[in-house]
Amino acid sequence: EVPTGEPGVVTVDIDQSVEGIVADAMRGLG
């Protein structure tokens, strides 16, 4: 991904990554 200098974009990318990790963890526990 190319940084755009917009904090919002970076935050969204981080949130999506965290959600993916949480989803994987839930699948592992479930």
PDB file of N, CA and C in Angstrom:
ATOM      1  N   GLU A   1       0.841  -1.200   0.000  1.00  0.00           N
ATOM      2  CA  GLU A   1       0.000   0.000   0.000  1.00  0.00           C
ATOM      3  C   GLU A   1       0.877   1.251   0.000  1.00  0.00           C
ATOM      4  N   VAL A   2       0.422   2.274  -0.683  1.00  0.00           N
ATOM      5  CA  VAL A   2       1.187   3.520  -0.750  1.00  0.00           C
ATOM      6  C   VAL A   2       0.622   4.533   0.237  1.00  0.00           C
ATOM      7  N   PRO A   3       1.455   5.014   1.168  1.00  0.00           N
ATOM      8  CA  PRO A   3       0.987   6.008   2.144  1.00  0.00           C
ATOM      9  C   PRO A   3       0.462   7.252   1.453  1.00  0.00           C
ATOM     10  N   THR A   4      -0.700   7.728   1.861  1.00  0.00           N
ATOM     11  CA  THR A   4      -1.285   8.908   1.239  1.00  0.00           C
ATOM     12  C   THR A   4      -1.102  10.123   2.128  1.00  0.00           C
ATOM     13  N   GLY A   5      -0.634   9.912   3.357  1.00  0.00           N
ATOM     14  CA  GLY A   5      -0.468  11.020   4.284  1.00  0.00           C
ATOM     15  C   GLY A   5      -1.764  11.332   5.012  1.00  0.00           C
ATOM     16  N   GLU A   6      -2.797  10.519   4.774  1.00  0.00           N
ATOM     17  CA  GLU A   6      -4.076  10.733   5.462  1.00  0.00           C
ATOM     18  C   GLU A   6      -4.179   9.758   6.634  1.00  0.00           C
ATOM     19  N   PRO A   7      -4.204  10.274   7.876  1.00  0.00           N
ATOM     20  CA  PRO A   7      -4.270   9.406   9.056  1.00  0.00           C
ATOM     21  C   PRO A   7      -5.470   8.471   9.011  1.00  0.00           C
ATOM     22  N   GLY A   8      -6.573   8.942   8.465  1.00  0.00           N
ATOM     23  CA  GLY A   8      -7.795   8.132   8.418  1.00  0.00           C
ATOM     24  C   GLY A   8      -7.567   6.851   7.643  1.00  0.00           C
ATOM     25  N   VAL A   9      -6.837   6.959   6.534  1.00  0.00           N
ATOM     26  CA  VAL A   9      -6.604   5.775   5.706  1.00  0.00           C
ATOM     27  C   VAL A   9      -5.773   4.759   6.476  1.00  0.00           C
ATOM     28  N   VAL A  10      -4.727   5.254   7.147  1.00  0.00           N
ATOM     29  CA  VAL A  10      -3.862   4.353   7.909  1.00  0.00           C
ATOM     30  C   VAL A  10      -4.655   3.692   9.029  1.00  0.00           C
ATOM     31  N   THR A  11      -5.499   4.477   9.693  1.00  0.00           N
ATOM     32  CA  THR A  11      -6.295   3.943  10.802  1.00  0.00           C
ATOM     33  C   THR A  11      -7.206   2.837  10.309  1.00  0.00           C
ATOM     34  N   VAL A  12      -7.842   3.057   9.168  1.00  0.00           N
ATOM     35  CA  VAL A  12      -8.759   2.055   8.615  1.00  0.00           C
ATOM     36  C   VAL A  12      -7.993   0.777   8.303  1.00  0.00           C
ATOM     37  N   ASP A  13      -6.792   0.926   7.709  1.00  0.00           N
ATOM     38  CA  ASP A  13      -5.994  -0.256   7.378  1.00  0.00           C
ATOM     39  C   ASP A  13      -5.669  -1.035   8.650  1.00  0.00           C
ATOM     40  N   ILE A  14      -5.307  -0.314   9.706  1.00  0.00           N
ATOM     41  CA  ILE A  14      -4.958  -0.969  10.967  1.00  0.00           C
ATOM     42  C   ILE A  14      -6.193  -1.658  11.547  1.00  0.00           C
ATOM     43  N   ASP A  15      -7.333  -0.977  11.527  1.00  0.00           N
ATOM     44  CA  ASP A  15      -8.560  -1.554  12.074  1.00  0.00           C
ATOM     45  C   ASP A  15      -8.914  -2.832  11.334  1.00  0.00           C
ATOM     46  N   GLN A  16      -8.799  -2.807  10.013  1.00  0.00           N
ATOM     47  CA  GLN A  16      -9.133  -3.986   9.220  1.00  0.00           C
ATOM     48  C   GLN A  16      -8.195  -5.131   9.570  1.00  0.00           C
ATOM     49  N   SER A  17      -6.910  -4.816   9.762  1.00  0.00           N
ATOM     50  CA  SER A  17      -5.933  -5.851  10.104  1.00  0.00           C
ATOM     51  C   SER A  17      -6.286  -6.461  11.459  1.00  0.00           C
ATOM     52  N   VAL A  18      -6.619  -5.603  12.421  1.00  0.00           N
ATOM     53  CA  VAL A  18      -6.977  -6.084  13.761  1.00  0.00           C
ATOM     54  C   VAL A  18      -8.217  -6.956  13.683  1.00  0.00           C
ATOM     55  N   GLU A  19      -9.207  -6.526  12.920  1.00  0.00           N
ATOM     56  CA  GLU A  19     -10.437  -7.311  12.790  1.00  0.00           C
ATOM     57  C   GLU A  19     -10.131  -8.675  12.196  1.00  0.00           C
ATOM     58  N   GLY A  20      -9.213  -8.708  11.222  1.00  0.00           N
ATOM     59  CA  GLY A  20      -8.832  -9.979  10.604  1.00  0.00           C
ATOM     60  C   GLY A  20      -8.171 -10.897  11.621  1.00  0.00           C
ATOM     61  N   ILE A  21      -7.298 -10.323  12.456  1.00  0.00           N
ATOM     62  CA  ILE A  21      -6.612 -11.119  13.481  1.00  0.00           C
ATOM     63  C   ILE A  21      -7.629 -11.656  14.482  1.00  0.00           C
ATOM     64  N   VAL A  22      -8.557 -10.805  14.897  1.00  0.00           N
ATOM     65  CA  VAL A  22      -9.582 -11.218  15.863  1.00  0.00           C
ATOM     66  C   VAL A  22     -10.443 -12.325  15.261  1.00  0.00           C
ATOM     67  N   ALA A  23     -10.802 -12.172  13.983  1.00  0.00           N
ATOM     68  CA  ALA A  23     -11.629 -13.187  13.317  1.00  0.00           C
ATOM     69  C   ALA A  23     -10.884 -14.517  13.285  1.00  0.00           C
ATOM     70  N   ASP A  24      -9.597 -14.471  12.961  1.00  0.00           N
ATOM     71  CA  ASP A  24      -8.804 -15.708  12.922  1.00  0.00           C
ATOM     72  C   ASP A  24      -8.757 -16.334  14.316  1.00  0.00           C
ATOM     73  N   ALA A  25      -8.597 -15.511  15.337  1.00  0.00           N
ATOM     74  CA  ALA A  25      -8.534 -16.019  16.707  1.00  0.00           C
ATOM     75  C   ALA A  25      -9.862 -16.666  17.085  1.00  0.00           C
ATOM     76  N   MET A  26     -10.965 -16.030  16.720  1.00  0.00           N
ATOM     77  CA  MET A  26     -12.288 -16.572  17.030  1.00  0.00           C
ATOM     78  C   MET A  26     -12.467 -17.921  16.336  1.00  0.00           C
ATOM     79  N   ARG A  27     -12.012 -18.023  15.089  1.00  0.00           N
ATOM     80  CA  ARG A  27     -12.137 -19.296  14.361  1.00  0.00           C
ATOM     81  C   ARG A  27     -11.324 -20.370  15.083  1.00  0.00           C
ATOM     82  N   GLY A  28     -10.135 -19.996  15.552  1.00  0.00           N
ATOM     83  CA  GLY A  28      -9.277 -20.964  16.233  1.00  0.00           C
ATOM     84  C   GLY A  28      -9.918 -21.448  17.531  1.00  0.00           C
ATOM     85  N   LEU A  29     -10.565 -20.532  18.256  1.00  0.00           N
ATOM     86  CA  LEU A  29     -11.196 -20.899  19.525  1.00  0.00           C
ATOM     87  C   LEU A  29     -12.496 -21.645  19.270  1.00  0.00           C
ATOM     88  N   GLY A  30     -13.200 -21.277  18.212  1.00  0.00           N
ATOM     89  CA  GLY A  30     -14.500 -21.873  17.925  1.00  0.00           C
ATOM     90  C   GLY A  30     -14.365 -23.244  17.302  1.00  0.00           C
TER      91      GLY A  30
END
